[in-house]
Amino acid sequence: MVKIVDRLLLFCFSLMVGILSVTVLAVGAGWVPEKIASRWIGDVYNELWLQITVVAASVVLFLISFRFFYISVRRGNASSPSIDQRNDFGDIRISMETVENLALKAAGKQRGVRELKARIRIQESGLEIMMRTVVDGETSIPALTEEIQRAVKEHVEEVTGIPVASVTVFVANIIQTQTFKSRVE
């Protein structure tokens, strides 16, 4: 939503600056006779509605300029979300995508798992990993989910050094295996 508003503001800003530039260019190049330019400036000083319009347009232009200035100097968070750690040698940043892929890798090694999706959240107690899976239906679901939880927790903690508070496994469905029965006649 913010990006849409910023794009709209950029459009309005560009339009207003463009109109102002063309006007100043026309007056500066002498394309507008001096009498007409003097009359425009005189009208700004004498006509209240024109004064209010010019002041309002100037305030809007200034506010939009201030917004774009703020966007240009603020610390950008365009990089992907990450987990930051500090050790004796410096800073370490591990992207959430990396942790997600580690969880998927560990869970994918389990027999009976067919499809996987992972979502990671950072909590004060450690990482909260939510796994969504489709299983083959031939393996015990409680045993399989417990094995997924153990494997994901151990693998992520071992590779990243970040404590895992919980691993939640949601079994969304089972895959129906095609079994063909031979017909006896």
C-alpha atoms as a PDB file:
ATOM      1  CA  MET A   1       0.000   0.000   0.000  1.00  0.00           C
ATOM      2  CA  VAL A   2       2.835   2.386   0.883  1.00  0.00           C
ATOM      3  CA  LYS A   3       4.488   1.763  -2.487  1.00  0.00           C
ATOM      4  CA  ILE A   4       1.261   2.660  -4.306  1.00  0.00           C
ATOM      5  CA  VAL A   5       0.943   5.906  -2.319  1.00  0.00           C
ATOM      6  CA  ASP A   6       4.590   6.735  -3.014  1.00  0.00           C
ATOM      7  CA  ARG A   7       4.077   6.112  -6.722  1.00  0.00           C
ATOM      8  CA  LEU A   8       1.022   8.372  -6.730  1.00  0.00           C
ATOM      9  CA  LEU A   9       2.983  11.058  -4.877  1.00  0.00           C
ATOM     10  CA  LEU A  10       5.843  10.711  -7.341  1.00  0.00           C
ATOM     11  CA  PHE A  11       3.416  11.125 -10.235  1.00  0.00           C
ATOM     12  CA  CYS A  12       1.882  14.285  -8.697  1.00  0.00           C
ATOM     13  CA  PHE A  13       5.306  15.656  -7.825  1.00  0.00           C
ATOM     14  CA  SER A  14       6.593  15.066 -11.354  1.00  0.00           C
ATOM     15  CA  LEU A  15       3.505  16.675 -12.855  1.00  0.00           C
ATOM     16  CA  MET A  16       3.742  19.763 -10.631  1.00  0.00           C
ATOM     17  CA  VAL A  17       7.482  20.202 -11.157  1.00  0.00           C
ATOM     18  CA  GLY A  18       6.998  19.717 -14.901  1.00  0.00           C
ATOM     19  CA  ILE A  19       4.327  22.420 -15.087  1.00  0.00           C
ATOM     20  CA  LEU A  20       6.429  24.757 -12.955  1.00  0.00           C
ATOM     21  CA  SER A  21       9.512  24.107 -15.116  1.00  0.00           C
ATOM     22  CA  VAL A  22       7.667  24.797 -18.372  1.00  0.00           C
ATOM     23  CA  THR A  23       6.220  28.019 -16.912  1.00  0.00           C
ATOM     24  CA  VAL A  24       9.598  29.269 -15.693  1.00  0.00           C
ATOM     25  CA  LEU A  25      11.212  28.252 -19.001  1.00  0.00           C
ATOM     26  CA  ALA A  26       8.569  30.139 -20.991  1.00  0.00           C
ATOM     27  CA  VAL A  27       8.965  33.291 -18.896  1.00  0.00           C
ATOM     28  CA  GLY A  28      12.785  33.044 -18.837  1.00  0.00           C
ATOM     29  CA  ALA A  29      13.067  32.472 -22.594  1.00  0.00           C
ATOM     30  CA  GLY A  30      10.863  35.459 -23.311  1.00  0.00           C
ATOM     31  CA  TRP A  31       8.071  33.408 -24.851  1.00  0.00           C
ATOM     32  CA  VAL A  32       5.655  35.091 -22.483  1.00  0.00           C
ATOM     33  CA  PRO A  33       5.493  38.876 -22.967  1.00  0.00           C
ATOM     34  CA  GLU A  34       6.590  40.959 -19.967  1.00  0.00           C
ATOM     35  CA  LYS A  35       3.143  42.543 -19.588  1.00  0.00           C
ATOM     36  CA  ILE A  36       1.457  39.141 -19.250  1.00  0.00           C
ATOM     37  CA  ALA A  37       4.101  37.883 -16.780  1.00  0.00           C
ATOM     38  CA  SER A  38       3.745  41.070 -14.723  1.00  0.00           C
ATOM     39  CA  ARG A  39      -0.029  40.703 -14.769  1.00  0.00           C
ATOM     40  CA  TRP A  40       0.253  37.062 -13.530  1.00  0.00           C
ATOM     41  CA  ILE A  41       2.502  38.113 -10.665  1.00  0.00           C
ATOM     42  CA  GLY A  42       0.219  41.062  -9.892  1.00  0.00           C
ATOM     43  CA  ASP A  43      -2.782  38.737  -9.840  1.00  0.00           C
ATOM     44  CA  VAL A  44      -1.019  36.506  -7.279  1.00  0.00           C
ATOM     45  CA  TYR A  45      -0.640  39.514  -4.981  1.00  0.00           C
ATOM     46  CA  ASN A  46      -4.110  40.945  -5.605  1.00  0.00           C
ATOM     47  CA  GLU A  47      -6.438  37.944  -5.965  1.00  0.00           C
ATOM     48  CA  LEU A  48      -7.099  36.055  -2.711  1.00  0.00           C
ATOM     49  CA  TRP A  49      -8.242  32.831  -4.411  1.00  0.00           C
ATOM     50  CA  LEU A  50      -5.053  32.781  -6.496  1.00  0.00           C
ATOM     51  CA  GLN A  51      -2.907  33.397  -3.410  1.00  0.00           C
ATOM     52  CA  ILE A  52      -4.576  30.480  -1.611  1.00  0.00           C
ATOM     53  CA  THR A  53      -4.096  28.231  -4.659  1.00  0.00           C
ATOM     54  CA  VAL A  54      -0.398  29.122  -5.007  1.00  0.00           C
ATOM     55  CA  VAL A  55       0.246  28.664  -1.271  1.00  0.00           C
ATOM     56  CA  ALA A  56      -1.605  25.311  -1.210  1.00  0.00           C
ATOM     57  CA  ALA A  57       0.276  24.040  -4.265  1.00  0.00           C
ATOM     58  CA  SER A  58       3.579  25.168  -2.734  1.00  0.00           C
ATOM     59  CA  VAL A  59       2.829  23.413   0.567  1.00  0.00           C
ATOM     60  CA  VAL A  60       1.842  20.196  -1.229  1.00  0.00           C
ATOM     61  CA  LEU A  61       4.993  20.369  -3.362  1.00  0.00           C
ATOM     62  CA  PHE A  62       7.119  20.932  -0.241  1.00  0.00           C
ATOM     63  CA  LEU A  63       5.501  18.028   1.641  1.00  0.00           C
ATOM     64  CA  ILE A  64       5.993  15.670  -1.283  1.00  0.00           C
ATOM     65  CA  SER A  65       9.615  16.837  -1.579  1.00  0.00           C
ATOM     66  CA  PHE A  66      10.101  16.218   2.136  1.00  0.00           C
ATOM     67  CA  ARG A  67       8.638  12.695   1.782  1.00  0.00           C
ATOM     68  CA  PHE A  68      11.011  11.834  -1.050  1.00  0.00           C
ATOM     69  CA  PHE A  69      13.932  13.306   0.893  1.00  0.00           C
ATOM     70  CA  TYR A  70      13.012  11.112   3.870  1.00  0.00           C
ATOM     71  CA  ILE A  71      12.774   8.025   1.648  1.00  0.00           C
ATOM     72  CA  SER A  72      16.189   8.755   0.154  1.00  0.00           C
ATOM     73  CA  VAL A  73      18.016   9.120   3.482  1.00  0.00           C
ATOM     74  CA  ARG A  74      16.314   6.517   5.646  1.00  0.00           C
ATOM     75  CA  ARG A  75      18.038   3.223   6.143  1.00  0.00           C
ATOM     76  CA  GLY A  76      16.594   0.952   3.522  1.00  0.00           C
ATOM     77  CA  ASN A  77      15.292  -2.463   4.460  1.00  0.00           C
ATOM     78  CA  ALA A  78      15.204  -3.648   0.888  1.00  0.00           C
ATOM     79  CA  SER A  79      17.395  -6.559   1.837  1.00  0.00           C
ATOM     80  CA  SER A  80      15.697  -9.730   2.845  1.00  0.00           C
ATOM     81  CA  PRO A  81      14.859 -10.244   6.527  1.00  0.00           C
ATOM     82  CA  SER A  82      17.658 -11.826   8.459  1.00  0.00           C
ATOM     83  CA  ILE A  83      18.796 -13.014  11.833  1.00  0.00           C
ATOM     84  CA  ASP A  84      21.729 -10.971  13.107  1.00  0.00           C
ATOM     85  CA  GLN A  85      24.325 -12.361  15.466  1.00  0.00           C
ATOM     86  CA  ARG A  86      27.589 -11.041  16.810  1.00  0.00           C
ATOM     87  CA  ASN A  87      30.669 -13.052  17.658  1.00  0.00           C
ATOM     88  CA  ASP A  88      34.316 -12.288  18.476  1.00  0.00           C
ATOM     89  CA  PHE A  89      35.179 -11.757  14.803  1.00  0.00           C
ATOM     90  CA  GLY A  90      32.257  -9.542  13.754  1.00  0.00           C
ATOM     91  CA  ASP A  91      28.649  -9.698  12.682  1.00  0.00           C
ATOM     92  CA  ILE A  92      26.832 -12.633  11.109  1.00  0.00           C
ATOM     93  CA  ARG A  93      23.608 -12.249   9.159  1.00  0.00           C
ATOM     94  CA  ILE A  94      21.633 -15.343   8.181  1.00  0.00           C
ATOM     95  CA  SER A  95      18.670 -14.735   5.921  1.00  0.00           C
ATOM     96  CA  MET A  96      15.291 -16.146   6.843  1.00  0.00           C
ATOM     97  CA  GLU A  97      15.282 -17.840   3.446  1.00  0.00           C
ATOM     98  CA  THR A  98      18.435 -19.731   4.428  1.00  0.00           C
ATOM     99  CA  VAL A  99      16.834 -20.978   7.654  1.00  0.00           C
ATOM    100  CA  GLU A 100      13.700 -21.925   5.720  1.00  0.00           C
ATOM    101  CA  ASN A 101      15.737 -23.915   3.202  1.00  0.00           C
ATOM    102  CA  LEU A 102      17.627 -25.681   5.993  1.00  0.00           C
ATOM    103  CA  ALA A 103      14.323 -26.699   7.587  1.00  0.00           C
ATOM    104  CA  LEU A 104      12.982 -27.928   4.244  1.00  0.00           C
ATOM    105  CA  LYS A 105      16.164 -29.900   3.609  1.00  0.00           C
ATOM    106  CA  ALA A 106      16.035 -31.617   6.982  1.00  0.00           C
ATOM    107  CA  ALA A 107      12.330 -32.434   6.728  1.00  0.00           C
ATOM    108  CA  GLY A 108      12.649 -33.579   3.112  1.00  0.00           C
ATOM    109  CA  LYS A 109      15.079 -36.323   4.109  1.00  0.00           C
ATOM    110  CA  GLN A 110      12.364 -38.078   6.102  1.00  0.00           C
ATOM    111  CA  ARG A 111      10.791 -41.096   4.464  1.00  0.00           C
ATOM    112  CA  GLY A 112       7.086 -40.598   3.705  1.00  0.00           C
ATOM    113  CA  VAL A 113       7.209 -36.823   3.180  1.00  0.00           C
ATOM    114  CA  ARG A 114       6.000 -35.680  -0.232  1.00  0.00           C
ATOM    115  CA  GLU A 115       5.436 -31.909  -0.277  1.00  0.00           C
ATOM    116  CA  LEU A 116       6.825 -29.331   2.125  1.00  0.00           C
ATOM    117  CA  LYS A 117       6.445 -25.670   2.923  1.00  0.00           C
ATOM    118  CA  ALA A 118       8.087 -23.820   5.792  1.00  0.00           C
ATOM    119  CA  ARG A 119       7.567 -20.518   7.572  1.00  0.00           C
ATOM    120  CA  ILE A 120       9.965 -19.067  10.120  1.00  0.00           C
ATOM    121  CA  ARG A 121       9.246 -16.581  12.899  1.00  0.00           C
ATOM    122  CA  ILE A 122      11.712 -15.073  15.330  1.00  0.00           C
ATOM    123  CA  GLN A 123      10.642 -15.212  18.966  1.00  0.00           C
ATOM    124  CA  GLU A 124      12.512 -14.208  22.105  1.00  0.00           C
ATOM    125  CA  SER A 125      12.985 -17.862  23.040  1.00  0.00           C
ATOM    126  CA  GLY A 126      14.351 -18.772  19.588  1.00  0.00           C
ATOM    127  CA  LEU A 127      13.083 -19.622  16.153  1.00  0.00           C
ATOM    128  CA  GLU A 128       9.548 -20.824  15.644  1.00  0.00           C
ATOM    129  CA  ILE A 129       9.374 -23.069  12.594  1.00  0.00           C
ATOM    130  CA  MET A 130       6.053 -24.034  11.053  1.00  0.00           C
ATOM    131  CA  MET A 131       6.101 -26.870   8.528  1.00  0.00           C
ATOM    132  CA  ARG A 132       3.221 -27.772   6.217  1.00  0.00           C
ATOM    133  CA  THR A 133       3.470 -31.162   4.590  1.00  0.00           C
ATOM    134  CA  VAL A 134       1.715 -33.771   2.525  1.00  0.00           C
ATOM    135  CA  VAL A 135       2.623 -37.337   3.447  1.00  0.00           C
ATOM    136  CA  ASP A 136       2.357 -40.650   1.650  1.00  0.00           C
ATOM    137  CA  GLY A 137      -0.148 -42.146   4.093  1.00  0.00           C
ATOM    138  CA  GLU A 138       1.809 -45.353   4.532  1.00  0.00           C
ATOM    139  CA  THR A 139       3.917 -44.156   7.451  1.00  0.00           C
ATOM    140  CA  SER A 140       2.617 -43.512  10.949  1.00  0.00           C
ATOM    141  CA  ILE A 141       1.769 -39.808  11.039  1.00  0.00           C
ATOM    142  CA  PRO A 142       2.612 -39.276  14.748  1.00  0.00           C
ATOM    143  CA  ALA A 143       5.985 -40.998  14.320  1.00  0.00           C
ATOM    144  CA  LEU A 144       6.696 -39.138  11.075  1.00  0.00           C
ATOM    145  CA  THR A 145       5.829 -35.705  12.453  1.00  0.00           C
ATOM    146  CA  GLU A 146       7.908 -36.328  15.573  1.00  0.00           C
ATOM    147  CA  GLU A 147      10.851 -37.338  13.386  1.00  0.00           C
ATOM    148  CA  ILE A 148      10.396 -34.201  11.238  1.00  0.00           C
ATOM    149  CA  GLN A 149      10.359 -32.018  14.348  1.00  0.00           C
ATOM    150  CA  ARG A 150      13.498 -33.625  15.752  1.00  0.00           C
ATOM    151  CA  ALA A 151      15.392 -33.533  12.453  1.00  0.00           C
ATOM    152  CA  VAL A 152      14.493 -29.918  11.686  1.00  0.00           C
ATOM    153  CA  LYS A 153      15.342 -28.704  15.185  1.00  0.00           C
ATOM    154  CA  GLU A 154      18.701 -30.494  15.274  1.00  0.00           C
ATOM    155  CA  HIS A 155      19.703 -29.526  11.728  1.00  0.00           C
ATOM    156  CA  VAL A 156      18.822 -25.835  12.023  1.00  0.00           C
ATOM    157  CA  GLU A 157      20.480 -25.489  15.435  1.00  0.00           C
ATOM    158  CA  GLU A 158      23.601 -27.349  14.284  1.00  0.00           C
ATOM    159  CA  VAL A 159      24.087 -25.377  11.059  1.00  0.00           C
ATOM    160  CA  THR A 160      23.063 -21.883  12.212  1.00  0.00           C
ATOM    161  CA  GLY A 161      23.814 -21.968  15.939  1.00  0.00           C
ATOM    162  CA  ILE A 162      20.436 -20.352  16.584  1.00  0.00           C
ATOM    163  CA  PRO A 163      18.173 -22.012  19.156  1.00  0.00           C
ATOM    164  CA  VAL A 164      14.890 -23.403  17.860  1.00  0.00           C
ATOM    165  CA  ALA A 165      12.036 -22.857  20.306  1.00  0.00           C
ATOM    166  CA  SER A 166       9.482 -24.990  18.485  1.00  0.00           C
ATOM    167  CA  VAL A 167       8.808 -26.896  15.306  1.00  0.00           C
ATOM    168  CA  THR A 168       5.143 -27.211  14.401  1.00  0.00           C
ATOM    169  CA  VAL A 169       4.140 -29.718  11.738  1.00  0.00           C
ATOM    170  CA  PHE A 170       0.800 -29.489   9.974  1.00  0.00           C
ATOM    171  CA  VAL A 171      -0.113 -32.510   7.868  1.00  0.00           C
ATOM    172  CA  ALA A 172      -2.321 -31.017   5.180  1.00  0.00           C
ATOM    173  CA  ASN A 173      -3.153 -34.191   3.302  1.00  0.00           C
ATOM    174  CA  ILE A 174      -1.990 -37.611   2.217  1.00  0.00           C
ATOM    175  CA  ILE A 175      -1.129 -38.690  -1.282  1.00  0.00           C
ATOM    176  CA  GLN A 176      -3.260 -41.500  -2.567  1.00  0.00           C
ATOM    177  CA  THR A 177      -1.028 -44.184  -3.984  1.00  0.00           C
ATOM    178  CA  GLN A 178      -2.283 -46.029  -7.010  1.00  0.00           C
ATOM    179  CA  THR A 179      -2.456 -49.710  -6.297  1.00  0.00           C
ATOM    180  CA  PHE A 180      -3.512 -52.043  -9.007  1.00  0.00           C
ATOM    181  CA  LYS A 181      -5.177 -55.268  -7.959  1.00  0.00           C
ATOM    182  CA  SER A 182      -4.815 -58.145 -10.281  1.00  0.00           C
ATOM    183  CA  ARG A 183      -8.034 -59.696 -11.394  1.00  0.00           C
ATOM    184  CA  VAL A 184      -8.489 -63.382 -10.973  1.00  0.00           C
ATOM    185  CA  GLU A 185     -10.924 -64.967 -13.329  1.00  0.00           C
END
